[in-house]
Amino acid sequence: MDRELKRGTLELVLLHLLDAKDRYGYEMTAEVAERSRGSYELKEGTLYPVLYRLEKAGQVEPYWETQDRGVPRKYYRITAAGRAELVRQREGWLS
């Protein structure tokens, strides 16, 4: 996949994933790999800068949750501003 296309659509992809449910980083990378049938591997070095950008823009918010095994995970949830941005980006993509 073209590097610029990936870069331009990654925010849309992550907002779309988070619109369905809250997720932690590895879960997002695994979901992208599964949905792309392995053709796109989202690395942590690419994922987290985008998540931080979305967080700074108020489109996602992180929270910590401790699992049964006692290992805390940082989850992300989409905000109302993130849903509005998702709608805007979907419209742009479709046009």
N, C-alpha and C. Protein backbone atom coordinates (compact mmCIF):
# COMPACT_ATOMS: atom_id res chain seq x y z
N MET A 1 0.84 -1.18 0.00
CA MET A 1 0.00 0.00 0.00
C MET A 1 0.89 1.24 0.00
N ASP A 2 0.53 2.22 -0.77
CA ASP A 2 1.29 3.45 -0.87
C ASP A 2 1.42 4.11 0.51
N ARG A 3 2.63 4.53 0.82
CA ARG A 3 2.93 5.11 2.15
C ARG A 3 2.06 6.33 2.45
N GLU A 4 1.89 7.21 1.48
CA GLU A 4 1.09 8.41 1.70
C GLU A 4 -0.39 8.08 1.89
N LEU A 5 -0.88 7.07 1.19
CA LEU A 5 -2.26 6.66 1.36
C LEU A 5 -2.47 6.12 2.77
N LYS A 6 -1.53 5.30 3.25
CA LYS A 6 -1.62 4.78 4.61
C LYS A 6 -1.64 5.91 5.62
N ARG A 7 -0.71 6.84 5.43
CA ARG A 7 -0.59 7.95 6.37
C ARG A 7 -1.86 8.79 6.41
N GLY A 8 -2.46 8.99 5.26
CA GLY A 8 -3.65 9.82 5.17
C GLY A 8 -4.91 9.16 5.66
N THR A 9 -4.92 7.84 5.74
CA THR A 9 -6.14 7.15 6.14
C THR A 9 -6.06 6.52 7.53
N LEU A 10 -4.92 6.55 8.16
CA LEU A 10 -4.76 5.87 9.44
C LEU A 10 -5.66 6.46 10.52
N GLU A 11 -5.81 7.77 10.56
CA GLU A 11 -6.71 8.37 11.55
C GLU A 11 -8.13 7.88 11.34
N LEU A 12 -8.56 7.83 10.09
CA LEU A 12 -9.89 7.34 9.77
C LEU A 12 -10.06 5.89 10.23
N VAL A 13 -9.08 5.06 9.96
CA VAL A 13 -9.13 3.65 10.34
C VAL A 13 -9.22 3.51 11.86
N LEU A 14 -8.39 4.23 12.60
CA LEU A 14 -8.39 4.11 14.06
C LEU A 14 -9.67 4.64 14.67
N LEU A 15 -10.18 5.76 14.16
CA LEU A 15 -11.45 6.28 14.67
C LEU A 15 -12.58 5.29 14.39
N HIS A 16 -12.53 4.66 13.22
CA HIS A 16 -13.54 3.66 12.87
C HIS A 16 -13.49 2.47 13.85
N LEU A 17 -12.29 1.99 14.14
CA LEU A 17 -12.15 0.87 15.07
C LEU A 17 -12.66 1.24 16.46
N LEU A 18 -12.32 2.44 16.90
CA LEU A 18 -12.72 2.87 18.24
C LEU A 18 -14.20 3.23 18.32
N ASP A 19 -14.81 3.51 17.19
CA ASP A 19 -16.24 3.79 17.18
C ASP A 19 -17.02 2.52 17.52
N ALA A 20 -16.47 1.36 17.19
CA ALA A 20 -17.13 0.09 17.48
C ALA A 20 -16.98 -0.29 18.95
N LYS A 21 -15.78 -0.08 19.51
CA LYS A 21 -15.55 -0.40 20.93
C LYS A 21 -14.20 0.16 21.36
N ASP A 22 -14.03 0.31 22.66
CA ASP A 22 -12.76 0.75 23.21
C ASP A 22 -11.73 -0.34 22.96
N ARG A 23 -10.50 0.08 22.67
CA ARG A 23 -9.44 -0.89 22.37
C ARG A 23 -8.11 -0.42 22.94
N TYR A 24 -7.21 -1.37 23.15
CA TYR A 24 -5.83 -1.04 23.53
C TYR A 24 -4.95 -1.20 22.29
N GLY A 25 -3.73 -0.70 22.37
CA GLY A 25 -2.86 -0.64 21.21
C GLY A 25 -2.68 -1.93 20.44
N TYR A 26 -2.27 -3.00 21.14
CA TYR A 26 -2.03 -4.26 20.43
C TYR A 26 -3.30 -4.76 19.77
N GLU A 27 -4.43 -4.56 20.42
CA GLU A 27 -5.71 -4.99 19.86
C GLU A 27 -5.99 -4.27 18.54
N MET A 28 -5.63 -3.00 18.48
CA MET A 28 -5.83 -2.24 17.23
C MET A 28 -4.92 -2.76 16.12
N THR A 29 -3.66 -3.03 16.46
CA THR A 29 -2.74 -3.52 15.43
C THR A 29 -3.19 -4.89 14.92
N ALA A 30 -3.66 -5.75 15.83
CA ALA A 30 -4.13 -7.07 15.44
C ALA A 30 -5.38 -6.98 14.57
N GLU A 31 -6.28 -6.07 14.91
CA GLU A 31 -7.52 -5.91 14.15
C GLU A 31 -7.23 -5.40 12.74
N VAL A 32 -6.31 -4.46 12.62
CA VAL A 32 -5.93 -3.95 11.29
C VAL A 32 -5.32 -5.08 10.46
N ALA A 33 -4.45 -5.88 11.06
CA ALA A 33 -3.84 -7.01 10.34
C ALA A 33 -4.90 -8.01 9.89
N GLU A 34 -5.84 -8.30 10.79
CA GLU A 34 -6.89 -9.27 10.46
C GLU A 34 -7.80 -8.74 9.35
N ARG A 35 -8.24 -7.51 9.47
CA ARG A 35 -9.16 -6.96 8.47
C ARG A 35 -8.51 -6.77 7.12
N SER A 36 -7.19 -6.54 7.12
CA SER A 36 -6.48 -6.37 5.84
C SER A 36 -5.95 -7.70 5.32
N ARG A 37 -6.31 -8.78 6.01
CA ARG A 37 -5.85 -10.13 5.67
C ARG A 37 -4.33 -10.21 5.60
N GLY A 38 -3.70 -9.48 6.53
CA GLY A 38 -2.25 -9.51 6.63
C GLY A 38 -1.50 -8.62 5.66
N SER A 39 -2.22 -7.88 4.82
CA SER A 39 -1.53 -7.05 3.84
C SER A 39 -1.02 -5.74 4.43
N TYR A 40 -1.52 -5.38 5.61
CA TYR A 40 -1.03 -4.16 6.26
C TYR A 40 -0.69 -4.47 7.71
N GLU A 41 0.56 -4.24 8.05
CA GLU A 41 1.03 -4.45 9.41
C GLU A 41 1.25 -3.09 10.06
N LEU A 42 0.43 -2.78 11.03
CA LEU A 42 0.51 -1.50 11.74
C LEU A 42 1.48 -1.67 12.90
N LYS A 43 2.59 -0.97 12.85
CA LYS A 43 3.61 -1.09 13.89
C LYS A 43 3.35 -0.07 14.99
N GLU A 44 3.83 -0.38 16.19
CA GLU A 44 3.63 0.52 17.33
C GLU A 44 4.22 1.90 17.07
N GLY A 45 5.34 1.93 16.36
CA GLY A 45 5.98 3.21 16.05
C GLY A 45 5.15 4.09 15.14
N THR A 46 4.19 3.51 14.47
CA THR A 46 3.25 4.25 13.63
C THR A 46 1.96 4.52 14.40
N LEU A 47 1.50 3.53 15.15
CA LEU A 47 0.22 3.62 15.86
C LEU A 47 0.21 4.72 16.91
N TYR A 48 1.17 4.69 17.82
CA TYR A 48 1.09 5.59 18.97
C TYR A 48 1.22 7.08 18.63
N PRO A 49 2.06 7.48 17.69
CA PRO A 49 2.04 8.91 17.33
C PRO A 49 0.68 9.38 16.82
N VAL A 50 -0.01 8.51 16.08
CA VAL A 50 -1.34 8.88 15.58
C VAL A 50 -2.33 8.95 16.74
N LEU A 51 -2.27 7.99 17.65
CA LEU A 51 -3.15 8.03 18.82
C LEU A 51 -2.89 9.27 19.67
N TYR A 52 -1.63 9.64 19.84
CA TYR A 52 -1.30 10.85 20.62
C TYR A 52 -1.84 12.09 19.92
N ARG A 53 -1.75 12.11 18.59
CA ARG A 53 -2.29 13.24 17.82
C ARG A 53 -3.82 13.32 18.00
N LEU A 54 -4.49 12.18 17.92
CA LEU A 54 -5.94 12.14 18.11
C LEU A 54 -6.31 12.55 19.54
N GLU A 55 -5.49 12.14 20.50
CA GLU A 55 -5.73 12.52 21.89
C GLU A 55 -5.56 14.03 22.07
N LYS A 56 -4.51 14.58 21.51
CA LYS A 56 -4.26 16.02 21.62
C LYS A 56 -5.40 16.83 20.98
N ALA A 57 -5.99 16.28 19.91
CA ALA A 57 -7.10 16.95 19.23
C ALA A 57 -8.43 16.73 19.95
N GLY A 58 -8.42 15.95 21.03
CA GLY A 58 -9.64 15.69 21.79
C GLY A 58 -10.58 14.69 21.13
N GLN A 59 -10.05 13.90 20.21
CA GLN A 59 -10.89 12.94 19.47
C GLN A 59 -10.89 11.55 20.09
N VAL A 60 -9.89 11.25 20.89
CA VAL A 60 -9.86 10.02 21.67
C VAL A 60 -9.38 10.36 23.06
N GLU A 61 -9.73 9.50 24.01
CA GLU A 61 -9.21 9.67 25.37
C GLU A 61 -8.77 8.33 25.90
N PRO A 62 -7.62 8.32 26.57
CA PRO A 62 -7.11 7.07 27.11
C PRO A 62 -7.61 6.84 28.54
N TYR A 63 -7.60 5.60 28.94
CA TYR A 63 -7.84 5.24 30.34
C TYR A 63 -7.17 3.90 30.59
N TRP A 64 -6.84 3.66 31.84
CA TRP A 64 -6.17 2.42 32.23
C TRP A 64 -7.18 1.45 32.81
N GLU A 65 -7.00 0.18 32.47
CA GLU A 65 -7.85 -0.88 33.01
C GLU A 65 -6.96 -2.06 33.36
N THR A 66 -7.17 -2.61 34.53
CA THR A 66 -6.40 -3.77 34.97
C THR A 66 -7.20 -5.04 34.68
N GLN A 67 -6.57 -5.96 34.00
CA GLN A 67 -7.20 -7.23 33.62
C GLN A 67 -7.14 -8.22 34.78
N ASP A 68 -7.74 -9.37 34.58
CA ASP A 68 -7.74 -10.43 35.61
C ASP A 68 -6.33 -10.84 36.01
N ARG A 69 -5.43 -10.81 35.05
CA ARG A 69 -4.04 -11.20 35.33
C ARG A 69 -3.29 -10.12 36.08
N GLY A 70 -3.92 -8.97 36.29
CA GLY A 70 -3.28 -7.89 37.03
C GLY A 70 -2.39 -7.00 36.20
N VAL A 71 -2.42 -7.15 34.88
CA VAL A 71 -1.59 -6.33 34.00
C VAL A 71 -2.43 -5.16 33.50
N PRO A 72 -2.07 -3.92 33.87
CA PRO A 72 -2.86 -2.79 33.39
C PRO A 72 -2.63 -2.53 31.90
N ARG A 73 -3.69 -2.18 31.21
CA ARG A 73 -3.61 -1.85 29.79
C ARG A 73 -4.19 -0.46 29.58
N LYS A 74 -3.57 0.25 28.67
CA LYS A 74 -4.07 1.58 28.32
C LYS A 74 -5.04 1.43 27.16
N TYR A 75 -6.29 1.71 27.42
CA TYR A 75 -7.34 1.64 26.42
C TYR A 75 -7.62 3.04 25.87
N TYR A 76 -8.18 3.08 24.69
CA TYR A 76 -8.59 4.34 24.07
C TYR A 76 -10.06 4.26 23.73
N ARG A 77 -10.76 5.38 23.93
CA ARG A 77 -12.17 5.47 23.54
C ARG A 77 -12.34 6.72 22.69
N ILE A 78 -13.28 6.64 21.78
CA ILE A 78 -13.57 7.77 20.91
C ILE A 78 -14.44 8.77 21.69
N THR A 79 -14.25 10.05 21.44
CA THR A 79 -15.04 11.09 22.08
C THR A 79 -16.09 11.60 21.09
N ALA A 80 -16.93 12.51 21.55
CA ALA A 80 -17.93 13.12 20.66
C ALA A 80 -17.22 13.87 19.52
N ALA A 81 -16.12 14.54 19.85
CA ALA A 81 -15.35 15.24 18.81
C ALA A 81 -14.76 14.23 17.82
N GLY A 82 -14.36 13.08 18.31
CA GLY A 82 -13.83 12.03 17.45
C GLY A 82 -14.90 11.47 16.53
N ARG A 83 -16.11 11.32 17.04
CA ARG A 83 -17.21 10.82 16.19
C ARG A 83 -17.54 11.85 15.10
N ALA A 84 -17.51 13.11 15.46
CA ALA A 84 -17.77 14.16 14.46
C ALA A 84 -16.68 14.14 13.39
N GLU A 85 -15.44 13.96 13.80
CA GLU A 85 -14.33 13.89 12.85
C GLU A 85 -14.44 12.64 11.99
N LEU A 86 -14.87 11.54 12.57
CA LEU A 86 -15.06 10.31 11.82
C LEU A 86 -16.11 10.51 10.73
N VAL A 87 -17.21 11.15 11.05
CA VAL A 87 -18.24 11.44 10.05
C VAL A 87 -17.66 12.31 8.93
N ARG A 88 -16.91 13.34 9.32
CA ARG A 88 -16.30 14.24 8.33
C ARG A 88 -15.34 13.49 7.42
N GLN A 89 -14.49 12.64 8.00
CA GLN A 89 -13.52 11.90 7.21
C GLN A 89 -14.19 10.84 6.33
N ARG A 90 -15.24 10.20 6.83
CA ARG A 90 -15.97 9.22 6.00
C ARG A 90 -16.58 9.90 4.79
N GLU A 91 -17.18 11.06 5.02
CA GLU A 91 -17.78 11.80 3.90
C GLU A 91 -16.71 12.17 2.88
N GLY A 92 -15.57 12.61 3.36
CA GLY A 92 -14.47 12.96 2.46
C GLY A 92 -13.97 11.75 1.68
N TRP A 93 -13.87 10.62 2.36
CA TRP A 93 -13.40 9.38 1.71
C TRP A 93 -14.39 8.95 0.64
N LEU A 94 -15.68 8.99 0.96
CA LEU A 94 -16.69 8.55 0.02
C LEU A 94 -16.83 9.47 -1.21
N SER A 95 -16.52 10.75 -0.99
CA SER A 95 -16.63 11.67 -2.14
C SER A 95 -15.39 11.55 -3.00
